[in-house]
Protein backbone atom coordinates (compact mmCIF):
# COMPACT_ATOMS: atom_id res chain seq x y z
CA MET A 1 -7.48 5.12 2.04
CA ARG A 2 -9.34 8.87 2.22
CA ARG A 3 -9.59 10.08 -1.04
CA LEU A 4 -9.20 13.90 -1.90
CA ARG A 5 -10.55 15.86 -5.11
CA ALA A 6 -9.44 19.46 -5.76
CA ARG A 7 -11.72 21.47 -7.57
CA PRO A 8 -10.21 23.24 -10.30
CA GLY A 9 -10.94 26.98 -11.46
CA LEU A 10 -12.43 28.54 -8.62
CA GLY A 11 -9.60 31.48 -8.68
CA LEU A 12 -10.50 33.03 -5.16
CA THR A 13 -8.66 35.31 -3.13
CA ALA A 14 -9.14 35.81 0.83
CA LEU A 15 -11.47 38.68 2.21
CA VAL A 16 -10.20 41.39 4.61
CA LEU A 17 -12.58 41.84 7.62
CA VAL A 18 -12.86 43.80 10.70
CA PRO A 19 -14.96 42.96 13.52
CA ALA A 20 -17.86 45.77 13.98
CA THR A 21 -21.59 46.03 15.74
CA LEU A 22 -23.46 47.84 13.68
CA SER A 23 -26.31 48.66 10.86
CA LEU A 24 -26.17 48.03 7.11
CA SER A 25 -26.83 51.72 6.73
CA SER A 26 -23.29 52.36 8.65
CA ALA A 27 -22.17 49.10 6.90
CA GLY A 28 -22.95 50.63 3.38
CA GLU A 29 -20.65 53.96 4.12
CA THR A 30 -17.83 51.90 5.18
CA LEU A 31 -18.05 49.72 1.82
CA ALA A 32 -18.01 53.07 0.07
CA GLN A 33 -15.50 54.57 1.82
CA GLY A 34 -13.10 51.66 0.12
CA LEU A 35 -12.56 50.03 3.89
CA PRO A 36 -12.67 46.05 4.74
CA ILE A 37 -16.38 44.45 5.26
CA PRO A 38 -17.52 45.08 8.41
CA GLU A 39 -18.25 41.92 11.04
CA ILE A 40 -21.20 41.93 12.69
CA ARG A 41 -21.79 39.58 16.02
CA LEU A 42 -25.45 39.20 16.40
CA GLN A 43 -25.56 40.18 20.31
CA GLY A 44 -28.67 41.18 22.99
CA GLY A 45 -31.21 38.59 22.17
CA GLN A 46 -34.08 37.70 23.65
CA GLU A 47 -35.01 34.25 23.57
CA LEU A 48 -38.65 33.07 23.75
CA ARG A 49 -40.35 31.37 26.79
CA LEU A 50 -42.02 28.83 24.22
CA PRO A 51 -40.20 25.64 23.23
CA PHE A 52 -41.65 23.92 19.80
CA SER A 53 -40.72 20.27 18.71
CA SER A 54 -39.57 21.11 15.32
CA VAL A 55 -39.69 24.86 13.47
CA GLN A 56 -40.54 24.62 9.66
CA ALA A 57 -40.89 27.96 8.76
CA LEU A 58 -41.86 31.67 10.47
CA VAL A 59 -43.59 34.20 9.23
CA THR A 60 -44.63 37.47 11.29
CA LEU A 61 -47.65 39.65 11.52
CA PRO A 62 -48.32 43.31 11.28
CA ASP A 63 -49.54 42.99 15.03
CA GLY A 64 -45.93 41.91 15.96
CA GLY A 65 -46.98 38.77 16.78
CA PHE A 66 -46.00 35.72 14.24
CA LEU A 67 -47.06 32.44 12.66
CA VAL A 68 -45.01 29.24 13.10
CA ALA A 69 -45.22 25.88 11.72
CA ASP A 70 -44.10 23.03 13.52
CA LEU A 71 -43.53 19.71 11.52
CA LEU A 72 -43.51 17.38 14.20
CA GLU A 73 -46.31 18.74 16.24
CA GLN A 74 -48.20 18.93 12.57
CA ALA A 75 -49.54 22.34 13.77
CA LEU A 76 -49.41 26.07 13.16
CA TYR A 77 -49.45 28.23 15.80
CA ARG A 78 -50.05 32.08 16.00
CA LEU A 79 -48.13 33.67 18.81
CA ASN A 80 -48.41 37.36 20.51
CA GLN A 81 -45.83 39.52 20.07
CA ASP A 82 -43.57 38.65 23.37
CA GLY A 83 -43.93 34.56 22.50
CA THR A 84 -45.90 34.05 26.08
CA ARG A 85 -48.97 32.99 24.35
CA ARG A 86 -49.40 30.73 21.40
CA ALA A 87 -52.61 28.85 19.79
CA GLN A 88 -53.27 26.47 17.11
CA VAL A 89 -54.32 28.21 13.71
CA GLY A 90 -56.93 25.92 12.05
CA ARG A 91 -56.71 22.39 12.94
CA ASN A 92 -55.84 18.59 11.37
CA GLY A 93 -58.25 17.39 9.20
CA ASN A 94 -59.10 17.31 5.15
CA ARG A 95 -61.97 19.89 5.17
CA PRO A 96 -61.11 23.21 3.52
CA GLY A 97 -59.33 25.24 5.78
CA GLU A 98 -57.71 22.49 7.40
CA TYR A 99 -54.33 20.69 6.83
CA LEU A 100 -52.19 17.30 7.94
CA LEU A 101 -48.71 18.40 7.58
CA PRO A 102 -47.61 22.22 7.63
CA THR A 103 -44.81 21.76 5.08
CA GLU A 104 -44.12 25.09 4.53
CA LEU A 105 -45.29 28.91 5.12
CA LEU A 106 -44.26 31.44 2.95
CA PRO A 107 -45.30 35.48 3.20
CA LEU A 108 -47.96 36.80 0.93
CA ALA A 109 -48.82 40.16 -0.33
CA GLY A 110 -50.49 42.09 2.15
CA ASP A 111 -49.35 40.89 5.48
CA SER A 112 -50.95 37.57 4.68
CA ALA A 113 -49.14 33.93 4.58
CA LEU A 114 -49.25 30.60 2.47
CA LEU A 115 -49.05 27.61 4.41
CA PHE A 116 -48.36 24.66 2.21
CA ASP A 117 -49.95 21.27 3.20
CA GLY A 118 -47.41 18.97 1.78
CA ALA A 119 -49.92 15.75 2.81
CA GLN A 120 -52.13 17.02 0.57
CA SER A 121 -50.45 19.06 -1.82
CA ARG A 122 -52.81 22.08 -1.19
CA TYR A 123 -52.53 25.48 -0.12
CA ILE A 124 -54.06 27.70 2.59
CA VAL A 125 -54.30 31.50 2.80
CA ILE A 126 -53.89 32.66 6.16
CA ARG A 127 -55.23 36.38 6.96
CA PRO A 128 -53.19 39.20 8.68
CA ASP A 129 -55.28 38.76 12.08
CA GLY A 130 -54.14 34.99 12.04
CA THR A 131 -57.14 33.29 11.00
CA VAL A 132 -57.79 30.80 7.85
CA GLY A 133 -58.80 31.92 4.80
CA ALA A 134 -59.01 30.59 1.11
CA THR A 135 -57.99 26.63 0.54
CA PHE A 136 -56.63 26.15 -3.07
CA GLN A 137 -54.73 23.50 -5.39
CA LEU A 138 -52.32 24.67 -8.17
CA ARG A 139 -54.36 24.78 -11.95
CA GLY A 140 -53.10 24.96 -15.62
CA GLU A 141 -49.49 23.96 -16.27
CA GLY A 142 -48.51 24.44 -12.35
CA ALA A 143 -50.82 21.46 -11.53
CA ALA A 144 -47.53 19.23 -12.33
CA PHE A 145 -46.07 20.83 -9.08
CA ALA A 146 -48.92 19.80 -6.57
CA ASP A 147 -46.68 17.72 -4.72
CA ARG A 148 -43.59 19.75 -4.68
CA THR A 149 -42.72 21.93 -1.88
CA PRO A 150 -42.59 25.80 -2.63
CA TRP A 151 -39.76 27.49 -2.19
CA GLY A 152 -40.74 31.21 -2.28
CA THR A 153 -43.98 33.88 -3.11
CA ASP A 154 -43.81 37.00 -4.22
CA GLN A 155 -46.00 40.15 -3.76
CA ARG A 156 -47.88 39.77 -7.12
CA GLY A 157 -48.99 35.85 -6.47
CA GLY A 158 -46.16 34.00 -8.03
CA ILE A 159 -44.79 30.51 -6.42
CA TYR A 160 -41.42 29.66 -7.06
CA PHE A 161 -40.59 26.16 -7.35
CA ARG A 162 -37.26 24.00 -8.15
CA ALA A 163 -37.41 21.33 -10.48
CA GLU A 164 -35.16 19.14 -12.85
CA GLY A 165 -36.99 20.66 -16.05
CA PRO A 166 -37.52 23.60 -17.37
CA THR A 167 -41.27 23.92 -17.59
CA ASP A 168 -42.35 21.04 -15.79
CA SER A 169 -41.72 18.34 -13.32
CA THR A 170 -41.96 15.55 -15.89
CA GLU A 171 -39.36 17.09 -18.45
CA THR A 172 -36.01 16.03 -17.98
CA ALA A 173 -33.53 18.80 -18.94
CA SER A 174 -31.49 19.06 -21.84
CA GLY A 175 -27.29 19.31 -20.52
CA PRO A 176 -25.06 18.72 -17.32
CA THR A 177 -27.26 16.71 -14.78
CA ASP A 178 -26.36 18.66 -12.38
CA ARG A 179 -28.47 21.76 -13.42
CA ALA A 180 -32.03 22.66 -11.74
CA PHE A 181 -34.29 25.13 -12.76
CA ILE A 182 -36.03 27.90 -10.87
CA LEU A 183 -39.55 28.45 -12.12
CA ARG A 184 -42.42 30.52 -11.12
CA TYR A 185 -46.28 29.57 -11.24
CA ASP A 186 -48.39 32.65 -11.55
CA ARG A 187 -51.80 31.98 -9.44
CA ARG A 188 -53.56 34.46 -11.60
CA ASN A 189 -53.37 32.35 -14.83
CA GLY A 190 -51.87 28.33 -14.17
CA ARG A 191 -49.36 29.45 -15.82
CA VAL A 192 -45.23 28.44 -15.64
CA THR A 193 -42.41 30.48 -16.44
CA PRO A 194 -38.72 29.33 -15.85
CA VAL A 195 -36.84 32.18 -14.19
CA THR A 196 -33.19 30.80 -14.53
CA SER A 197 -30.76 27.73 -14.14
CA VAL A 198 -28.67 26.58 -11.44
CA ARG A 199 -26.10 24.19 -10.74
CA SER A 200 -27.32 21.83 -8.07
CA ALA A 201 -26.96 18.73 -5.79
CA PRO A 202 -28.81 15.54 -7.27
CA PHE A 203 -32.93 15.79 -6.16
CA PRO A 204 -33.05 13.84 -2.33
CA SER A 205 -35.57 11.84 -1.81
CA VAL A 206 -38.95 13.13 0.57
CA LEU A 207 -38.84 10.90 3.58
CA LEU A 208 -42.16 11.34 5.63
CA PRO A 209 -42.88 11.56 9.41
CA ARG A 210 -43.75 7.52 10.09
CA GLY A 211 -45.43 6.54 13.37
CA ASN A 212 -49.01 6.35 14.13
CA THR A 213 -50.32 10.03 13.06
CA PRO A 214 -52.19 11.37 10.37
CA ALA A 215 -49.47 12.58 8.37
CA ALA A 216 -47.84 9.40 7.89
CA GLU A 217 -50.62 7.33 7.31
CA ALA A 218 -51.20 9.83 4.61
CA LEU A 219 -47.72 9.62 3.18
CA ALA A 220 -46.62 6.19 4.07
CA GLN A 221 -44.20 5.43 1.49
CA VAL A 222 -41.58 2.61 0.72
CA THR A 223 -38.13 4.15 1.77
CA PRO A 224 -35.72 4.40 -1.13
CA PRO A 225 -31.97 3.25 -0.61
CA LEU A 226 -29.64 5.00 1.52
CA PRO A 227 -28.07 7.93 -0.49
CA LEU A 228 -24.18 7.56 -0.45
CA PRO A 229 -22.16 11.13 1.61
CA GLU A 230 -21.42 13.85 -0.65
CA PRO A 231 -19.83 16.12 1.31
CA PHE A 232 -19.66 19.71 0.54
CA LEU A 233 -20.76 19.88 -3.19
CA LEU A 234 -20.41 22.39 -5.42
CA GLU A 235 -24.26 24.13 -6.00
CA ASP A 236 -25.08 27.78 -6.50
CA ALA A 237 -27.26 29.21 -4.36
CA TRP A 238 -30.58 31.28 -4.44
CA GLY A 239 -33.13 33.30 -2.66
CA ILE A 240 -36.57 34.85 -3.54
CA ALA A 241 -37.45 38.68 -2.74
CA LEU A 242 -41.22 39.89 -2.40
CA ASP A 243 -40.54 42.00 -5.31
CA GLY A 244 -40.27 39.01 -7.51
CA ARG A 245 -36.54 39.32 -7.79
CA VAL A 246 -34.54 36.10 -7.96
CA ALA A 247 -30.75 36.22 -6.40
CA VAL A 248 -28.64 33.72 -7.79
CA ALA A 249 -25.01 33.37 -6.82
CA ARG A 250 -23.00 31.38 -9.01
CA VAL A 251 -20.23 29.16 -7.37
CA GLU A 252 -18.48 28.72 -10.47
CA GLU A 253 -18.07 32.70 -11.28
CA ASP A 254 -18.35 34.37 -7.56
CA ARG A 255 -20.67 36.83 -8.19
CA VAL A 256 -24.44 37.61 -7.33
CA GLU A 257 -26.91 37.50 -10.34
CA TRP A 258 -30.18 39.31 -9.79
CA HIS A 259 -32.99 38.86 -12.10
CA GLY A 260 -35.57 40.48 -12.50
CA THR A 261 -39.02 40.72 -14.00
CA GLY A 262 -39.36 40.38 -18.00
CA GLY A 263 -35.89 38.82 -18.04
CA ALA A 264 -33.56 41.77 -16.89
CA LEU A 265 -30.22 40.68 -15.72
CA MET A 266 -27.95 42.30 -12.85
CA GLU A 267 -24.23 41.19 -12.52
CA GLY A 268 -22.67 41.94 -9.15
CA PRO A 269 -18.93 42.55 -9.42
CA ASP A 270 -16.88 39.41 -8.02
CA LEU A 271 -16.81 38.28 -4.17
CA GLN A 272 -13.55 37.53 -3.90
CA SER A 273 -14.64 34.53 -2.03
CA GLU A 274 -12.16 33.10 0.31
CA VAL A 275 -10.77 29.20 -0.41
CA ARG A 276 -10.09 26.87 2.62
CA ARG A 277 -8.71 23.67 3.04
CA VAL A 278 -10.96 20.51 4.18
CA ARG A 279 -9.46 19.13 7.42
CA VAL A 280 -9.51 15.93 9.40
CA PRO A 281 -12.00 17.42 12.14
CA ASP A 282 -14.30 18.96 9.30
CA MET A 283 -14.67 15.56 7.86
CA ARG A 284 -15.34 14.15 11.50
CA ARG A 285 -18.03 16.67 12.12
CA TRP A 286 -19.69 16.27 8.88
CA LEU A 287 -20.13 12.43 8.66
CA ALA A 288 -21.16 12.78 12.04
CA ASP A 289 -24.07 15.25 11.29
CA TRP A 290 -24.47 13.16 8.19
CA GLN A 291 -25.21 9.71 10.22
CA GLN A 292 -27.49 11.43 12.50
CA ALA A 293 -29.62 13.47 9.59
CA ARG A 294 -30.16 9.13 7.88
CA LEU A 295 -30.67 8.03 11.46
CA SER A 296 -33.49 10.69 11.88
CA GLU A 297 -35.00 9.68 8.88
CA GLY A 298 -35.28 6.16 9.53
CA TYR A 299 -32.42 4.36 7.58
CA PRO A 300 -30.95 1.24 9.38
CA PRO A 301 -28.83 2.41 11.90
CA GLN A 302 -26.18 -0.99 10.35
CA GLU A 303 -26.18 0.78 7.54
CA ILE A 304 -25.53 4.48 8.24
CA LEU A 305 -22.67 3.68 11.23
CA ARG A 306 -20.93 1.35 9.12
CA PHE A 307 -19.33 4.55 7.01
CA ARG A 308 -15.83 5.63 8.49
CA ILE A 309 -13.88 8.37 7.12
CA ASP A 310 -11.89 6.80 4.47
CA ASP A 311 -15.12 5.47 2.74
CA VAL A 312 -15.81 9.08 2.04
CA ASP A 313 -15.15 11.25 -1.52
CA TRP A 314 -13.65 14.32 0.26
CA PRO A 315 -12.93 17.14 -1.71
CA VAL A 316 -9.42 19.25 -1.11
CA TYR A 317 -11.69 22.86 -0.61
CA PHE A 318 -14.76 23.86 0.17
CA PRO A 319 -17.20 25.43 -1.59
CA PRO A 320 -17.10 29.28 -1.51
CA PHE A 321 -20.48 29.25 0.29
CA SER A 322 -22.92 26.73 0.71
CA GLY A 323 -25.65 26.29 -2.16
CA GLY A 324 -29.44 26.20 -2.63
CA ARG A 325 -32.15 28.01 -0.92
CA MET A 326 -31.13 31.58 1.22
CA PRO A 327 -33.29 33.85 2.31
CA VAL A 328 -33.74 37.28 1.15
CA ASP A 329 -34.41 39.95 3.61
CA ARG A 330 -37.79 42.70 3.74
CA SER A 331 -35.28 45.02 2.39
CA GLY A 332 -34.42 43.33 -0.62
CA ASN A 333 -30.74 41.66 0.30
CA LEU A 334 -29.38 38.22 -0.06
CA TRP A 335 -28.56 36.52 3.08
CA LEU A 336 -25.66 34.02 1.64
CA LEU A 337 -24.36 31.84 3.88
CA ARG A 338 -20.45 31.78 3.90
CA SER A 339 -20.01 28.46 6.67
CA HIS A 340 -20.42 24.96 5.62
CA PRO A 341 -22.65 22.85 7.95
CA SER A 342 -19.52 21.28 9.90
CA GLU A 343 -18.71 24.45 11.26
CA PRO A 344 -19.75 25.73 14.66
CA GLU A 345 -21.14 29.00 13.92
CA ALA A 346 -23.18 30.19 10.98
CA ILE A 347 -21.65 33.06 8.81
CA TYR A 348 -24.18 35.28 6.44
CA GLU A 349 -22.71 38.04 3.67
CA VAL A 350 -25.51 40.28 3.05
CA ILE A 351 -25.54 41.26 -0.48
CA ASP A 352 -27.59 43.84 -1.95
CA GLY A 353 -29.62 44.48 -5.22
CA GLN A 354 -26.28 45.21 -7.06
CA GLY A 355 -24.37 41.78 -6.31
CA VAL A 356 -22.32 44.09 -3.10
CA THR A 357 -21.10 42.61 -0.46
CA ARG A 358 -22.65 45.02 2.52
CA ALA A 359 -21.50 42.98 5.73
CA ARG A 360 -20.52 39.74 7.00
CA ILE A 361 -23.17 38.52 9.96
CA VAL A 362 -21.77 35.76 12.46
CA LEU A 363 -24.84 33.81 14.47
CA PRO A 364 -24.59 32.90 18.09
CA PRO A 365 -23.45 28.99 18.28
CA ASN A 366 -26.14 26.53 18.12
CA THR A 367 -28.17 28.78 16.34
CA ARG A 368 -30.05 29.00 12.54
CA LEU A 369 -31.50 31.78 10.98
CA GLU A 370 -35.26 31.48 10.61
CA GLY A 371 -37.13 34.94 9.36
CA PHE A 372 -37.12 38.29 9.58
CA GLY A 373 -39.54 40.91 11.47
CA GLU A 374 -40.64 44.34 12.13
CA GLY A 375 -36.93 45.46 13.23
CA ALA A 376 -35.74 42.13 14.04
CA ILE A 377 -34.12 39.22 13.27
CA PHE A 378 -35.27 35.50 14.24
CA LEU A 379 -33.30 32.42 15.21
CA VAL A 380 -33.82 28.98 16.35
CA ARG A 381 -31.69 27.41 19.14
CA GLN A 382 -32.19 23.39 19.34
CA ASP A 383 -31.23 22.42 23.06
CA ALA A 384 -29.64 19.18 24.08
CA LEU A 385 -33.08 16.95 24.22
CA GLY A 386 -34.22 18.26 20.28
CA LEU A 387 -35.95 20.88 21.43
CA HIS A 388 -36.62 24.78 19.42
CA TRP A 389 -36.13 27.60 20.67
CA LEU A 390 -36.92 30.91 18.79
CA GLN A 391 -34.57 33.81 19.80
CA ARG A 392 -35.45 37.38 18.44
CA TYR A 393 -32.43 39.66 18.06
CA PRO A 394 -32.66 43.59 17.17
CA TRP A 395 -31.70 44.57 13.59
CA LEU A 396 -32.12 48.02 11.96
CA ASP A 397 -33.09 46.62 8.92
CA GLY A 398 -35.28 44.52 9.53
CA GLY A 399 -38.50 46.93 8.27
CA ARG A 400 -39.78 47.17 4.91
C-alpha cells in the first residue's frame, strides 16, 4: 500500500500569475503597481553547434567566449563566442596546471575562473584570456575541505562549502540531523567562517567515474549501499552572489534571507508559495528518474528496479520549491527553482536582494539552466543519445 505523509505547518497560499514576455526591469515596474507576478517564457534562443558528453559547469570570458567543464570527457574547453570552435584548456595530468577531473568551474574576480580538480583536491586559476594560471590547494583551517567540491566563490577570494559541521568537515553539528552549514573559506589567510545553517537532505555518497580512465583509477572506491528513495524532501535553497552575499530560501518560513558580510541579515516578505498535491503520474516520473540516476552511478540493476511506487514513502504535498544550491545571476538575483525533477518544464522565480519576487521564468522543455553571460542565459538540452547541447537566450538583465 502506498504511504502518504502530510507536511504540517507550511501555511501556503497560491500565486496568481499572468503570462508575459518582458525584462526584469519592466517586471519590477509591474510589481511596483501591485499587479500579479509576470511570467516570462524563454524564447528566441540559439543552439550552438558543438555537443558535449556532460556539461558540468560554464563560465563566460570577457571576449564573449566561454569555458565549459565536461566531466565525462575529463576536459576543460574554451569556445569562441558563437560556439563553432573549441579547444581544450590545459591537459590531463598531475603536474601544475594539469587536472584529472574537472569537477567544478566557478567565476572569480577580474573575469578569471576557478577550476576544481576533484581527483587531486586542488584548484587551477583560469585567466581571462582562457589560459592556465596558478595551481593551489586549500591551507589552514580550509585544509579540512580539501576533498570537498566548492559550491561558490566571491570577488574577494572566498570559496564556499556545504558541510555537516559549523567549523570543519570532521565536526558534528549539535541539534537536528537535517541541518547543514554554509561555510566561507578565505584564500588570503586560510580561515573558515560559518555564514548560516540550512535545512538540508542527508549528505549523499559521492560516486565517481568508472572504467579504464585516469580519473577512475585515481578515484577507485567501494560502492556504498544503495540509498533508499526519498522523494520531494523539504529543504532550504541557497545561492552565492559574487559580492559575497548568501541567499537562503527558508522552506518552513516561506521567505528569502540575504546574509551579508559581517553578519548583516535581510529578511524578505512572505513568498506566498503554492501548495500542490503529489499525484500518481508525479510518483511514476520521480521513481523512473531516481532509478535511471542510480543505474548511471553503477548500482546493481536488480536492486534498483525492484522498487515500485508502493515501496516508497510519498509525501501528500510537493515542497514549495526545490532545495539545494541555486544560481545567482550577475545582477545579484536569486533564481529559485519552483518546479521539481519530475516535472517537464523547469520554472524559476527571480528574487531580488530585498527578497521580493520580480518574475517567474519558464524554461523550454527538456532544458536546464547552466549559467549567465553578458546579455544572455545559457541552457543545456540533453538529446535522446545523452549528448548535451548548449543553448543561448537573450536576457536584458544578464549584464553586470
